[in-house]
Amino acid sequence: MNAVRLRDTRGNFLGSILVFHDTTDIKRFESMRSDFVANVSHELRTPLTAIRGYVETLLHTPPSDPEDNRQFLEIIDRHSERLSRLTEDLLTLSDLESGKIQLAVQSVDAGQLIQRVLEVFWDQAARKKIP
């Protein structure tokens, strides 16, 4: 709230003007931003922790079985790919927020989209031997 006293030319008090500012949206956006930062931090920390753990193992106590080495490197590769995707997503969000790029609204075949998403999960499940 801002307040200003009004006086006439003689300095006599005439009244006040009060201006109220609704900060509801600002508070909501600040809360959303805080939640977003916390979620991004968690999403970045998870693959970084995995990468560091497997790299430390390979450097300090490497497995004797070459297949284990390969498996560790594949895990590192997957997590580094995840970090790359997260980074690209953050850059895209930044560009959207700054107005550098605009979303192009278009029709999507929902069935085809769902099929593509399922194929990704089926591939991941097959690699992990999940039926």
C-alpha atoms as a PDB file:
ATOM      1  CA  MET A   1       0.000   0.000   0.000  1.00  0.00           C
ATOM      2  CA  ASN A   2       1.149   3.535  -0.758  1.00  0.00           C
ATOM      3  CA  ALA A   3      -0.319   6.561   1.028  1.00  0.00           C
ATOM      4  CA  VAL A   4      -0.042  10.297   0.327  1.00  0.00           C
ATOM      5  CA  ARG A   5      -1.462  13.142   2.403  1.00  0.00           C
ATOM      6  CA  LEU A   6      -3.294  15.866   0.508  1.00  0.00           C
ATOM      7  CA  ARG A   7      -2.985  19.488   1.601  1.00  0.00           C
ATOM      8  CA  ASP A   8      -4.378  22.692   0.200  1.00  0.00           C
ATOM      9  CA  THR A   9      -2.245  25.712  -0.721  1.00  0.00           C
ATOM     10  CA  ARG A  10      -2.294  26.867   2.918  1.00  0.00           C
ATOM     11  CA  GLY A  11      -1.042  23.509   4.177  1.00  0.00           C
ATOM     12  CA  ASN A  12      -4.359  22.415   5.651  1.00  0.00           C
ATOM     13  CA  PHE A  13      -4.919  18.695   5.642  1.00  0.00           C
ATOM     14  CA  LEU A  14      -7.575  17.695   3.081  1.00  0.00           C
ATOM     15  CA  GLY A  15      -7.347  13.926   3.229  1.00  0.00           C
ATOM     16  CA  SER A  16      -5.272  11.045   1.950  1.00  0.00           C
ATOM     17  CA  ILE A  17      -4.951   8.944  -1.149  1.00  0.00           C
ATOM     18  CA  LEU A  18      -4.338   5.278  -0.559  1.00  0.00           C
ATOM     19  CA  VAL A  19      -3.228   2.935  -3.346  1.00  0.00           C
ATOM     20  CA  PHE A  20      -3.490  -0.770  -2.650  1.00  0.00           C
ATOM     21  CA  HIS A  21      -1.415  -3.243  -4.668  1.00  0.00           C
ATOM     22  CA  ASP A  22      -2.602  -6.822  -5.097  1.00  0.00           C
ATOM     23  CA  THR A  23       0.543  -8.934  -4.708  1.00  0.00           C
ATOM     24  CA  THR A  24      -1.250 -12.280  -4.882  1.00  0.00           C
ATOM     25  CA  ASP A  25       0.078 -13.127  -8.353  1.00  0.00           C
ATOM     26  CA  ILE A  26       3.599 -12.016  -7.468  1.00  0.00           C
ATOM     27  CA  LYS A  27       3.620 -14.225  -4.366  1.00  0.00           C
ATOM     28  CA  ARG A  28       2.215 -17.152  -6.354  1.00  0.00           C
ATOM     29  CA  PHE A  29       4.880 -16.748  -9.070  1.00  0.00           C
ATOM     30  CA  GLU A  30       7.630 -16.490  -6.452  1.00  0.00           C
ATOM     31  CA  SER A  31       6.377 -19.707  -4.881  1.00  0.00           C
ATOM     32  CA  MET A  32       6.224 -21.428  -8.281  1.00  0.00           C
ATOM     33  CA  ARG A  33       9.747 -20.258  -9.096  1.00  0.00           C
ATOM     34  CA  SER A  34      11.032 -21.525  -5.763  1.00  0.00           C
ATOM     35  CA  ASP A  35       9.372 -24.920  -6.305  1.00  0.00           C
ATOM     36  CA  PHE A  36      10.763 -25.031  -9.841  1.00  0.00           C
ATOM     37  CA  VAL A  37      14.317 -24.357  -8.655  1.00  0.00           C
ATOM     38  CA  ALA A  38      13.995 -27.059  -5.994  1.00  0.00           C
ATOM     39  CA  ASN A  39      12.697 -29.579  -8.559  1.00  0.00           C
ATOM     40  CA  VAL A  40      15.403 -28.733 -11.098  1.00  0.00           C
ATOM     41  CA  SER A  41      18.077 -29.032  -8.418  1.00  0.00           C
ATOM     42  CA  HIS A  42      16.797 -32.481  -7.531  1.00  0.00           C
ATOM     43  CA  GLU A  43      16.548 -33.543 -11.183  1.00  0.00           C
ATOM     44  CA  LEU A  44      20.147 -32.433 -11.802  1.00  0.00           C
ATOM     45  CA  ARG A  45      21.524 -33.888  -8.583  1.00  0.00           C
ATOM     46  CA  THR A  46      20.240 -37.408  -9.281  1.00  0.00           C
ATOM     47  CA  PRO A  47      22.154 -38.109 -12.515  1.00  0.00           C
ATOM     48  CA  LEU A  48      25.219 -36.211 -11.273  1.00  0.00           C
ATOM     49  CA  THR A  49      25.352 -38.368  -8.159  1.00  0.00           C
ATOM     50  CA  ALA A  50      25.066 -41.547 -10.239  1.00  0.00           C
ATOM     51  CA  ILE A  51      27.761 -40.397 -12.683  1.00  0.00           C
ATOM     52  CA  ARG A  52      30.142 -39.454  -9.899  1.00  0.00           C
ATOM     53  CA  GLY A  53      29.574 -42.737  -8.090  1.00  0.00           C
ATOM     54  CA  TYR A  54      30.278 -44.882 -11.143  1.00  0.00           C
ATOM     55  CA  VAL A  55      33.284 -42.782 -12.219  1.00  0.00           C
ATOM     56  CA  GLU A  56      34.794 -43.015  -8.718  1.00  0.00           C
ATOM     57  CA  THR A  57      34.296 -46.786  -8.778  1.00  0.00           C
ATOM     58  CA  LEU A  58      35.934 -47.093 -12.199  1.00  0.00           C
ATOM     59  CA  LEU A  59      38.854 -44.897 -11.138  1.00  0.00           C
ATOM     60  CA  HIS A  60      39.534 -46.309  -7.673  1.00  0.00           C
ATOM     61  CA  THR A  61      38.291 -49.912  -7.675  1.00  0.00           C
ATOM     62  CA  PRO A  62      37.569 -50.913 -11.253  1.00  0.00           C
ATOM     63  CA  PRO A  63      35.679 -54.180 -11.678  1.00  0.00           C
ATOM     64  CA  SER A  64      37.774 -57.051 -12.989  1.00  0.00           C
ATOM     65  CA  ASP A  65      35.041 -58.156 -15.399  1.00  0.00           C
ATOM     66  CA  PRO A  66      35.073 -56.110 -18.628  1.00  0.00           C
ATOM     67  CA  GLU A  67      31.295 -56.560 -18.899  1.00  0.00           C
ATOM     68  CA  ASP A  68      30.864 -54.764 -15.553  1.00  0.00           C
ATOM     69  CA  ASN A  69      33.052 -51.933 -16.847  1.00  0.00           C
ATOM     70  CA  ARG A  70      30.870 -51.688 -19.939  1.00  0.00           C
ATOM     71  CA  GLN A  71      27.695 -51.687 -17.834  1.00  0.00           C
ATOM     72  CA  PHE A  72      29.072 -48.858 -15.661  1.00  0.00           C
ATOM     73  CA  LEU A  73      29.945 -46.829 -18.760  1.00  0.00           C
ATOM     74  CA  GLU A  74      26.459 -47.394 -20.208  1.00  0.00           C
ATOM     75  CA  ILE A  75      24.919 -46.126 -16.971  1.00  0.00           C
ATOM     76  CA  ILE A  76      27.187 -43.059 -17.058  1.00  0.00           C
ATOM     77  CA  ASP A  77      26.197 -42.500 -20.687  1.00  0.00           C
ATOM     78  CA  ARG A  78      22.460 -42.700 -19.878  1.00  0.00           C
ATOM     79  CA  HIS A  79      22.767 -40.257 -17.008  1.00  0.00           C
ATOM     80  CA  SER A  80      24.895 -37.819 -18.999  1.00  0.00           C
ATOM     81  CA  GLU A  81      22.273 -37.969 -21.779  1.00  0.00           C
ATOM     82  CA  ARG A  82      19.621 -37.176 -19.166  1.00  0.00           C
ATOM     83  CA  LEU A  83      21.646 -34.163 -18.018  1.00  0.00           C
ATOM     84  CA  SER A  84      21.898 -32.982 -21.616  1.00  0.00           C
ATOM     85  CA  ARG A  85      18.120 -33.235 -22.066  1.00  0.00           C
ATOM     86  CA  LEU A  86      17.487 -31.394 -18.796  1.00  0.00           C
ATOM     87  CA  THR A  87      19.898 -28.630 -19.832  1.00  0.00           C
ATOM     88  CA  GLU A  88      18.222 -28.284 -23.229  1.00  0.00           C
ATOM     89  CA  ASP A  89      14.814 -28.130 -21.541  1.00  0.00           C
ATOM     90  CA  LEU A  90      16.016 -25.386 -19.196  1.00  0.00           C
ATOM     91  CA  LEU A  91      17.421 -23.372 -22.089  1.00  0.00           C
ATOM     92  CA  THR A  92      14.149 -23.769 -23.985  1.00  0.00           C
ATOM     93  CA  LEU A  93      12.170 -22.615 -20.943  1.00  0.00           C
ATOM     94  CA  SER A  94      14.466 -19.613 -20.603  1.00  0.00           C
ATOM     95  CA  ASP A  95      13.965 -18.726 -24.268  1.00  0.00           C
ATOM     96  CA  LEU A  96      10.181 -19.070 -23.923  1.00  0.00           C
ATOM     97  CA  GLU A  97      10.131 -16.921 -20.798  1.00  0.00           C
ATOM     98  CA  SER A  98      12.259 -14.206 -22.394  1.00  0.00           C
ATOM     99  CA  GLY A  99      10.107 -14.163 -25.522  1.00  0.00           C
ATOM    100  CA  LYS A 100      12.947 -15.239 -27.837  1.00  0.00           C
ATOM    101  CA  ILE A 101      10.800 -18.053 -29.173  1.00  0.00           C
ATOM    102  CA  GLN A 102       7.066 -18.529 -29.401  1.00  0.00           C
ATOM    103  CA  LEU A 103       5.168 -21.776 -29.129  1.00  0.00           C
ATOM    104  CA  ALA A 104       3.570 -22.904 -32.357  1.00  0.00           C
ATOM    105  CA  VAL A 105       0.119 -24.280 -31.626  1.00  0.00           C
ATOM    106  CA  GLN A 106      -0.794 -27.192 -33.876  1.00  0.00           C
ATOM    107  CA  SER A 107      -2.997 -30.247 -33.920  1.00  0.00           C
ATOM    108  CA  VAL A 108      -1.464 -33.490 -32.719  1.00  0.00           C
ATOM    109  CA  ASP A 109      -2.575 -37.062 -33.308  1.00  0.00           C
ATOM    110  CA  ALA A 110      -2.860 -38.113 -29.643  1.00  0.00           C
ATOM    111  CA  GLY A 111      -2.859 -41.824 -30.494  1.00  0.00           C
ATOM    112  CA  GLN A 112       0.387 -41.528 -32.442  1.00  0.00           C
ATOM    113  CA  LEU A 113       1.977 -39.427 -29.684  1.00  0.00           C
ATOM    114  CA  ILE A 114       1.018 -41.964 -27.013  1.00  0.00           C
ATOM    115  CA  GLN A 115       2.379 -44.773 -29.205  1.00  0.00           C
ATOM    116  CA  ARG A 116       5.762 -43.001 -29.506  1.00  0.00           C
ATOM    117  CA  VAL A 117       5.936 -42.440 -25.747  1.00  0.00           C
ATOM    118  CA  LEU A 118       5.065 -46.085 -25.080  1.00  0.00           C
ATOM    119  CA  GLU A 119       7.791 -47.219 -27.469  1.00  0.00           C
ATOM    120  CA  VAL A 120      10.357 -45.257 -25.446  1.00  0.00           C
ATOM    121  CA  PHE A 121       9.185 -46.895 -22.215  1.00  0.00           C
ATOM    122  CA  TRP A 122       9.014 -50.356 -23.802  1.00  0.00           C
ATOM    123  CA  ASP A 123      12.609 -49.912 -24.989  1.00  0.00           C
ATOM    124  CA  GLN A 124      13.735 -48.859 -21.512  1.00  0.00           C
ATOM    125  CA  ALA A 125      11.826 -51.750 -19.922  1.00  0.00           C
ATOM    126  CA  ALA A 126      13.377 -54.245 -22.373  1.00  0.00           C
ATOM    127  CA  ARG A 127      16.887 -52.998 -21.549  1.00  0.00           C
ATOM    128  CA  LYS A 128      16.126 -53.511 -17.858  1.00  0.00           C
ATOM    129  CA  LYS A 129      14.505 -56.869 -18.583  1.00  0.00           C
ATOM    130  CA  ILE A 130      11.126 -55.724 -17.242  1.00  0.00           C
ATOM    131  CA  PRO A 131       8.237 -57.598 -18.908  1.00  0.00           C
END
